[in-house]
PDB file of N, CA and C in Angstrom:
ATOM      1  N   ASP A   1     122.305 -41.161 -50.896  1.00  0.00           N
ATOM      2  CA  ASP A   1     122.746 -41.106 -49.629  1.00  0.00           C
ATOM      3  C   ASP A   1     121.613 -41.683 -48.529  1.00  0.00           C
ATOM      4  N   VAL A   2     122.088 -42.535 -47.683  1.00  0.00           N
ATOM      5  CA  VAL A   2     121.116 -43.096 -46.813  1.00  0.00           C
ATOM      6  C   VAL A   2     121.721 -43.267 -45.367  1.00  0.00           C
ATOM      7  N   ALA A   3     120.879 -43.671 -44.432  1.00  0.00           N
ATOM      8  CA  ALA A   3     121.371 -44.050 -43.041  1.00  0.00           C
ATOM      9  C   ALA A   3     122.152 -42.971 -42.432  1.00  0.00           C
ATOM     10  N   ALA A   4     121.705 -41.680 -42.335  1.00  0.00           N
ATOM     11  CA  ALA A   4     122.382 -40.622 -41.712  1.00  0.00           C
ATOM     12  C   ALA A   4     122.266 -40.818 -40.182  1.00  0.00           C
ATOM     13  N   ARG A   5     123.390 -40.468 -39.545  1.00  0.00           N
ATOM     14  CA  ARG A   5     123.573 -40.470 -38.062  1.00  0.00           C
ATOM     15  C   ARG A   5     124.311 -39.291 -37.632  1.00  0.00           C
ATOM     16  N   LEU A   6     123.881 -38.682 -36.554  1.00  0.00           N
ATOM     17  CA  LEU A   6     124.543 -37.535 -35.863  1.00  0.00           C
ATOM     18  C   LEU A   6     125.311 -38.037 -34.702  1.00  0.00           C
ATOM     19  N   SER A   7     126.440 -37.362 -34.479  1.00  0.00           N
ATOM     20  CA  SER A   7     127.228 -37.564 -33.255  1.00  0.00           C
ATOM     21  C   SER A   7     126.294 -37.014 -32.128  1.00  0.00           C
ATOM     22  N   ASN A   8     126.758 -37.371 -30.955  1.00  0.00           N
ATOM     23  CA  ASN A   8     125.952 -36.795 -29.712  1.00  0.00           C
ATOM     24  C   ASN A   8     126.030 -35.362 -29.606  1.00  0.00           C
ATOM     25  N   ASP A   9     127.206 -34.741 -30.007  1.00  0.00           N
ATOM     26  CA  ASP A   9     127.329 -33.251 -29.971  1.00  0.00           C
ATOM     27  C   ASP A   9     126.662 -32.639 -31.293  1.00  0.00           C
ATOM     28  N   GLU A  10     126.168 -33.393 -32.111  1.00  0.00           N
ATOM     29  CA  GLU A  10     125.578 -32.999 -33.404  1.00  0.00           C
ATOM     30  C   GLU A  10     126.480 -32.141 -34.390  1.00  0.00           C
ATOM     31  N   ARG A  11     127.884 -32.401 -34.263  1.00  0.00           N
ATOM     32  CA  ARG A  11     128.785 -31.682 -35.012  1.00  0.00           C
ATOM     33  C   ARG A  11     129.321 -32.606 -36.153  1.00  0.00           C
ATOM     34  N   THR A  12     129.130 -33.880 -36.078  1.00  0.00           N
ATOM     35  CA  THR A  12     129.563 -34.726 -37.076  1.00  0.00           C
ATOM     36  C   THR A  12     128.431 -35.592 -37.625  1.00  0.00           C
ATOM     37  N   LEU A  13     128.335 -35.779 -38.918  1.00  0.00           N
ATOM     38  CA  LEU A  13     127.330 -36.563 -39.666  1.00  0.00           C
ATOM     39  C   LEU A  13     127.968 -37.759 -40.412  1.00  0.00           C
ATOM     40  N   LEU A  14     127.399 -38.860 -40.090  1.00  0.00           N
ATOM     41  CA  LEU A  14     127.811 -40.083 -40.883  1.00  0.00           C
ATOM     42  C   LEU A  14     126.766 -40.533 -41.734  1.00  0.00           C
ATOM     43  N   PHE A  15     127.111 -40.844 -42.934  1.00  0.00           N
ATOM     44  CA  PHE A  15     125.952 -41.451 -43.804  1.00  0.00           C
ATOM     45  C   PHE A  15     126.560 -42.511 -44.654  1.00  0.00           C
ATOM     46  N   THR A  16     125.751 -43.367 -45.413  1.00  0.00           N
ATOM     47  CA  THR A  16     126.163 -44.317 -46.336  1.00  0.00           C
ATOM     48  C   THR A  16     125.885 -43.839 -47.791  1.00  0.00           C
ATOM     49  N   SER A  17     126.795 -44.022 -48.667  1.00  0.00           N
ATOM     50  CA  SER A  17     126.606 -43.417 -50.087  1.00  0.00           C
ATOM     51  C   SER A  17     127.289 -44.279 -51.120  1.00  0.00           C
ATOM     52  N   THR A  18     126.819 -44.214 -52.381  1.00  0.00           N
ATOM     53  CA  THR A  18     127.466 -44.755 -53.491  1.00  0.00           C
ATOM     54  C   THR A  18     128.178 -43.685 -54.264  1.00  0.00           C
ATOM     55  N   ARG A  19     128.492 -42.645 -53.717  1.00  0.00           N
ATOM     56  CA  ARG A  19     129.046 -41.442 -54.370  1.00  0.00           C
ATOM     57  C   ARG A  19     130.468 -41.949 -55.049  1.00  0.00           C
ATOM     58  N   PRO A  20     130.840 -41.306 -56.119  1.00  0.00           N
ATOM     59  CA  PRO A  20     132.243 -41.534 -56.664  1.00  0.00           C
ATOM     60  C   PRO A  20     133.338 -41.242 -55.692  1.00  0.00           C
ATOM     61  N   GLY A  21     134.387 -41.932 -55.654  1.00  0.00           N
ATOM     62  CA  GLY A  21     135.501 -41.727 -54.899  1.00  0.00           C
ATOM     63  C   GLY A  21     135.529 -42.652 -53.668  1.00  0.00           C
ATOM     64  N   GLY A  22     134.560 -43.609 -53.608  1.00  0.00           N
ATOM     65  CA  GLY A  22     134.661 -44.543 -52.404  1.00  0.00           C
ATOM     66  C   GLY A  22     135.381 -45.645 -52.558  1.00  0.00           C
ATOM     67  N   GLN A  23     135.380 -46.656 -51.648  1.00  0.00           N
ATOM     68  CA  GLN A  23     136.239 -47.777 -51.653  1.00  0.00           C
ATOM     69  C   GLN A  23     135.595 -48.942 -52.243  1.00  0.00           C
ATOM     70  N   GLY A  24     134.240 -48.855 -52.200  1.00  0.00           N
ATOM     71  CA  GLY A  24     133.444 -50.104 -52.678  1.00  0.00           C
ATOM     72  C   GLY A  24     132.050 -49.641 -53.148  1.00  0.00           C
ATOM     73  N   ILE A  25     131.041 -50.665 -53.028  1.00  0.00           N
ATOM     74  CA  ILE A  25     129.727 -50.503 -53.409  1.00  0.00           C
ATOM     75  C   ILE A  25     129.080 -49.409 -52.634  1.00  0.00           C
ATOM     76  N   TRP A  26     128.918 -49.535 -51.334  1.00  0.00           N
ATOM     77  CA  TRP A  26     128.416 -48.559 -50.421  1.00  0.00           C
ATOM     78  C   TRP A  26     129.515 -48.243 -49.457  1.00  0.00           C
ATOM     79  N   ASP A  27     129.814 -46.947 -49.099  1.00  0.00           N
ATOM     80  CA  ASP A  27     130.710 -46.485 -48.171  1.00  0.00           C
ATOM     81  C   ASP A  27     130.218 -45.553 -47.171  1.00  0.00           C
ATOM     82  N   VAL A  28     130.888 -45.485 -46.108  1.00  0.00           N
ATOM     83  CA  VAL A  28     130.588 -44.519 -44.943  1.00  0.00           C
ATOM     84  C   VAL A  28     131.335 -43.292 -45.233  1.00  0.00           C
ATOM     85  N   TRP A  29     130.563 -42.070 -45.199  1.00  0.00           N
ATOM     86  CA  TRP A  29     131.183 -40.772 -45.421  1.00  0.00           C
ATOM     87  C   TRP A  29     130.825 -39.964 -44.207  1.00  0.00           C
ATOM     88  N   ARG A  30     131.700 -38.944 -44.117  1.00  0.00           N
ATOM     89  CA  ARG A  30     131.528 -38.040 -42.916  1.00  0.00           C
ATOM     90  C   ARG A  30     131.563 -36.609 -43.359  1.00  0.00           C
ATOM     91  N   ALA A  31     130.731 -35.677 -42.682  1.00  0.00           N
ATOM     92  CA  ALA A  31     130.738 -34.321 -42.814  1.00  0.00           C
ATOM     93  C   ALA A  31     130.721 -33.627 -41.458  1.00  0.00           C
ATOM     94  N   THR A  32     131.482 -32.653 -41.224  1.00  0.00           N
ATOM     95  CA  THR A  32     131.565 -32.001 -39.901  1.00  0.00           C
ATOM     96  C   THR A  32     131.237 -30.469 -39.946  1.00  0.00           C
ATOM     97  N   ARG A  33     130.930 -29.990 -38.829  1.00  0.00           N
ATOM     98  CA  ARG A  33     130.658 -28.528 -38.736  1.00  0.00           C
ATOM     99  C   ARG A  33     131.232 -28.033 -37.389  1.00  0.00           C
ATOM    100  N   THR A  34     131.338 -26.781 -37.368  1.00  0.00           N
ATOM    101  CA  THR A  34     131.906 -26.121 -36.045  1.00  0.00           C
ATOM    102  C   THR A  34     131.032 -26.026 -34.936  1.00  0.00           C
ATOM    103  N   SER A  35     129.688 -25.991 -35.190  1.00  0.00           N
ATOM    104  CA  SER A  35     128.789 -25.851 -34.146  1.00  0.00           C
ATOM    105  C   SER A  35     127.384 -26.392 -34.521  1.00  0.00           C
ATOM    106  N   ARG A  36     126.385 -26.575 -33.743  1.00  0.00           N
ATOM    107  CA  ARG A  36     125.092 -27.127 -34.181  1.00  0.00           C
ATOM    108  C   ARG A  36     124.327 -26.140 -35.021  1.00  0.00           C
ATOM    109  N   GLU A  37     124.702 -24.886 -35.033  1.00  0.00           N
ATOM    110  CA  GLU A  37     124.068 -23.771 -35.868  1.00  0.00           C
ATOM    111  C   GLU A  37     124.770 -23.722 -37.224  1.00  0.00           C
ATOM    112  N   ALA A  38     125.908 -24.223 -37.446  1.00  0.00           N
ATOM    113  CA  ALA A  38     126.605 -24.023 -38.644  1.00  0.00           C
ATOM    114  C   ALA A  38     126.224 -25.066 -39.697  1.00  0.00           C
ATOM    115  N   LEU A  39     126.464 -24.820 -40.974  1.00  0.00           N
ATOM    116  CA  LEU A  39     126.277 -25.761 -42.030  1.00  0.00           C
ATOM    117  C   LEU A  39     127.370 -26.902 -41.994  1.00  0.00           C
ATOM    118  N   PHE A  40     127.030 -28.015 -42.522  1.00  0.00           N
ATOM    119  CA  PHE A  40     128.036 -28.999 -42.693  1.00  0.00           C
ATOM    120  C   PHE A  40     129.017 -28.745 -43.768  1.00  0.00           C
ATOM    121  N   GLY A  41     130.215 -29.007 -43.676  1.00  0.00           N
ATOM    122  CA  GLY A  41     131.286 -28.903 -44.831  1.00  0.00           C
ATOM    123  C   GLY A  41     131.156 -29.967 -45.826  1.00  0.00           C
ATOM    124  N   GLN A  42     132.004 -29.950 -46.672  1.00  0.00           N
ATOM    125  CA  GLN A  42     132.119 -31.053 -47.667  1.00  0.00           C
ATOM    126  C   GLN A  42     132.171 -32.415 -47.145  1.00  0.00           C
ATOM    127  N   ALA A  43     131.526 -33.329 -47.532  1.00  0.00           N
ATOM    128  CA  ALA A  43     131.597 -34.715 -47.066  1.00  0.00           C
ATOM    129  C   ALA A  43     132.813 -35.301 -47.499  1.00  0.00           C
ATOM    130  N   GLU A  44     133.484 -36.324 -46.733  1.00  0.00           N
ATOM    131  CA  GLU A  44     134.684 -36.999 -47.070  1.00  0.00           C
ATOM    132  C   GLU A  44     134.521 -38.421 -46.738  1.00  0.00           C
ATOM    133  N   ASN A  45     135.093 -39.338 -47.727  1.00  0.00           N
ATOM    134  CA  ASN A  45     134.926 -40.743 -47.483  1.00  0.00           C
ATOM    135  C   ASN A  45     135.742 -41.031 -46.330  1.00  0.00           C
ATOM    136  N   MET A  46     135.438 -42.048 -45.473  1.00  0.00           N
ATOM    137  CA  MET A  46     136.105 -42.450 -44.361  1.00  0.00           C
ATOM    138  C   MET A  46     137.407 -43.276 -44.702  1.00  0.00           C
ATOM    139  N   GLY A  47     137.492 -43.718 -45.826  1.00  0.00           N
ATOM    140  CA  GLY A  47     138.779 -44.397 -46.402  1.00  0.00           C
ATOM    141  C   GLY A  47     138.862 -45.840 -46.067  1.00  0.00           C
ATOM    142  N   PRO A  48     139.954 -46.444 -46.592  1.00  0.00           N
ATOM    143  CA  PRO A  48     139.996 -47.875 -46.444  1.00  0.00           C
ATOM    144  C   PRO A  48     140.200 -48.382 -45.076  1.00  0.00           C
ATOM    145  N   ASP A  49     140.547 -47.607 -44.096  1.00  0.00           N
ATOM    146  CA  ASP A  49     140.628 -48.148 -42.682  1.00  0.00           C
ATOM    147  C   ASP A  49     139.236 -48.545 -42.180  1.00  0.00           C
ATOM    148  N   LEU A  50     138.171 -47.906 -42.783  1.00  0.00           N
ATOM    149  CA  LEU A  50     136.891 -48.135 -42.253  1.00  0.00           C
ATOM    150  C   LEU A  50     136.019 -48.882 -43.370  1.00  0.00           C
ATOM    151  N   ASN A  51     136.132 -48.415 -44.607  1.00  0.00           N
ATOM    152  CA  ASN A  51     135.401 -49.010 -45.692  1.00  0.00           C
ATOM    153  C   ASN A  51     136.064 -50.066 -46.437  1.00  0.00           C
ATOM    154  N   SER A  52     135.199 -51.074 -46.919  1.00  0.00           N
ATOM    155  CA  SER A  52     135.787 -52.186 -47.652  1.00  0.00           C
ATOM    156  C   SER A  52     135.216 -52.158 -49.109  1.00  0.00           C
ATOM    157  N   ALA A  53     135.692 -53.183 -49.879  1.00  0.00           N
ATOM    158  CA  ALA A  53     135.364 -53.168 -51.228  1.00  0.00           C
ATOM    159  C   ALA A  53     133.856 -53.681 -51.379  1.00  0.00           C
ATOM    160  N   ASP A  54     133.197 -54.066 -50.266  1.00  0.00           N
ATOM    161  CA  ASP A  54     131.790 -54.562 -50.250  1.00  0.00           C
ATOM    162  C   ASP A  54     130.966 -53.315 -49.832  1.00  0.00           C
ATOM    163  N   ALA A  55     129.861 -53.719 -49.220  1.00  0.00           N
ATOM    164  CA  ALA A  55     128.788 -52.639 -48.780  1.00  0.00           C
ATOM    165  C   ALA A  55     128.916 -52.470 -47.401  1.00  0.00           C
ATOM    166  N   ASP A  56     129.301 -51.238 -46.914  1.00  0.00           N
ATOM    167  CA  ASP A  56     129.470 -50.879 -45.540  1.00  0.00           C
ATOM    168  C   ASP A  56     128.307 -49.927 -45.109  1.00  0.00           C
ATOM    169  N   PHE A  57     127.469 -50.425 -44.291  1.00  0.00           N
ATOM    170  CA  PHE A  57     126.091 -49.727 -43.982  1.00  0.00           C
ATOM    171  C   PHE A  57     126.026 -49.374 -42.459  1.00  0.00           C
ATOM    172  N   HIS A  58     125.247 -48.367 -42.235  1.00  0.00           N
ATOM    173  CA  HIS A  58     124.730 -48.062 -40.888  1.00  0.00           C
ATOM    174  C   HIS A  58     125.804 -47.905 -39.805  1.00  0.00           C
ATOM    175  N   ALA A  59     126.760 -47.177 -40.065  1.00  0.00           N
ATOM    176  CA  ALA A  59     127.766 -46.832 -38.973  1.00  0.00           C
ATOM    177  C   ALA A  59     127.033 -45.784 -38.083  1.00  0.00           C
ATOM    178  N   THR A  60     127.261 -45.986 -36.745  1.00  0.00           N
ATOM    179  CA  THR A  60     126.603 -45.027 -35.765  1.00  0.00           C
ATOM    180  C   THR A  60     127.644 -44.843 -34.572  1.00  0.00           C
ATOM    181  N   PHE A  61     127.517 -43.811 -33.930  1.00  0.00           N
ATOM    182  CA  PHE A  61     128.408 -43.505 -32.887  1.00  0.00           C
ATOM    183  C   PHE A  61     128.163 -44.068 -31.637  1.00  0.00           C
ATOM    184  N   ALA A  62     129.151 -44.623 -30.852  1.00  0.00           N
ATOM    185  CA  ALA A  62     128.957 -45.140 -29.511  1.00  0.00           C
ATOM    186  C   ALA A  62     128.789 -43.794 -28.632  1.00  0.00           C
ATOM    187  N   ALA A  63     128.576 -44.086 -27.342  1.00  0.00           N
ATOM    188  CA  ALA A  63     128.368 -42.927 -26.327  1.00  0.00           C
ATOM    189  C   ALA A  63     129.581 -42.121 -26.360  1.00  0.00           C
ATOM    190  N   ASP A  64     130.739 -42.476 -26.566  1.00  0.00           N
ATOM    191  CA  ASP A  64     131.903 -41.720 -26.376  1.00  0.00           C
ATOM    192  C   ASP A  64     132.290 -40.868 -27.698  1.00  0.00           C
ATOM    193  N   ASP A  65     131.483 -40.937 -28.685  1.00  0.00           N
ATOM    194  CA  ASP A  65     131.539 -40.252 -29.926  1.00  0.00           C
ATOM    195  C   ASP A  65     132.943 -40.420 -30.562  1.00  0.00           C
ATOM    196  N   ARG A  66     133.624 -41.441 -30.189  1.00  0.00           N
ATOM    197  CA  ARG A  66     134.957 -41.682 -30.822  1.00  0.00           C
ATOM    198  C   ARG A  66     134.947 -43.075 -31.411  1.00  0.00           C
ATOM    199  N   THR A  67     134.015 -43.952 -30.969  1.00  0.00           N
ATOM    200  CA  THR A  67     134.002 -45.314 -31.493  1.00  0.00           C
ATOM    201  C   THR A  67     132.829 -45.408 -32.348  1.00  0.00           C
ATOM    202  N   LEU A  68     132.979 -46.105 -33.554  1.00  0.00           N
ATOM    203  CA  LEU A  68     131.888 -46.391 -34.483  1.00  0.00           C
ATOM    204  C   LEU A  68     131.378 -47.785 -34.340  1.00  0.00           C
ATOM    205  N   LEU A  69     130.116 -47.926 -34.389  1.00  0.00           N
ATOM    206  CA  LEU A  69     129.416 -49.251 -34.346  1.00  0.00           C
ATOM    207  C   LEU A  69     128.867 -49.558 -35.675  1.00  0.00           C
ATOM    208  N   PHE A  70     128.798 -50.746 -36.121  1.00  0.00           N
ATOM    209  CA  PHE A  70     127.887 -50.947 -37.288  1.00  0.00           C
ATOM    210  C   PHE A  70     126.754 -51.785 -36.934  1.00  0.00           C
ATOM    211  N   LEU A  71     125.509 -51.259 -37.222  1.00  0.00           N
ATOM    212  CA  LEU A  71     124.222 -51.941 -36.826  1.00  0.00           C
ATOM    213  C   LEU A  71     123.877 -52.983 -37.717  1.00  0.00           C
TER     214      LEU A  71
END
């Protein structure tokens, strides 16, 4: 797991991983929590709408926390 990024409200974590269950070589995964003080829940693959069969790296949040950018 590499390239972790927190949303501005720190309730969503994005990271890149080669975990089983992905779409390709490296995929973007997401874990969420209910507050800054809570633990993150189980990570989930962002799916084929975001990930490709190739390497998808370094997703980060735009200022609106709704748009993802790839660096």
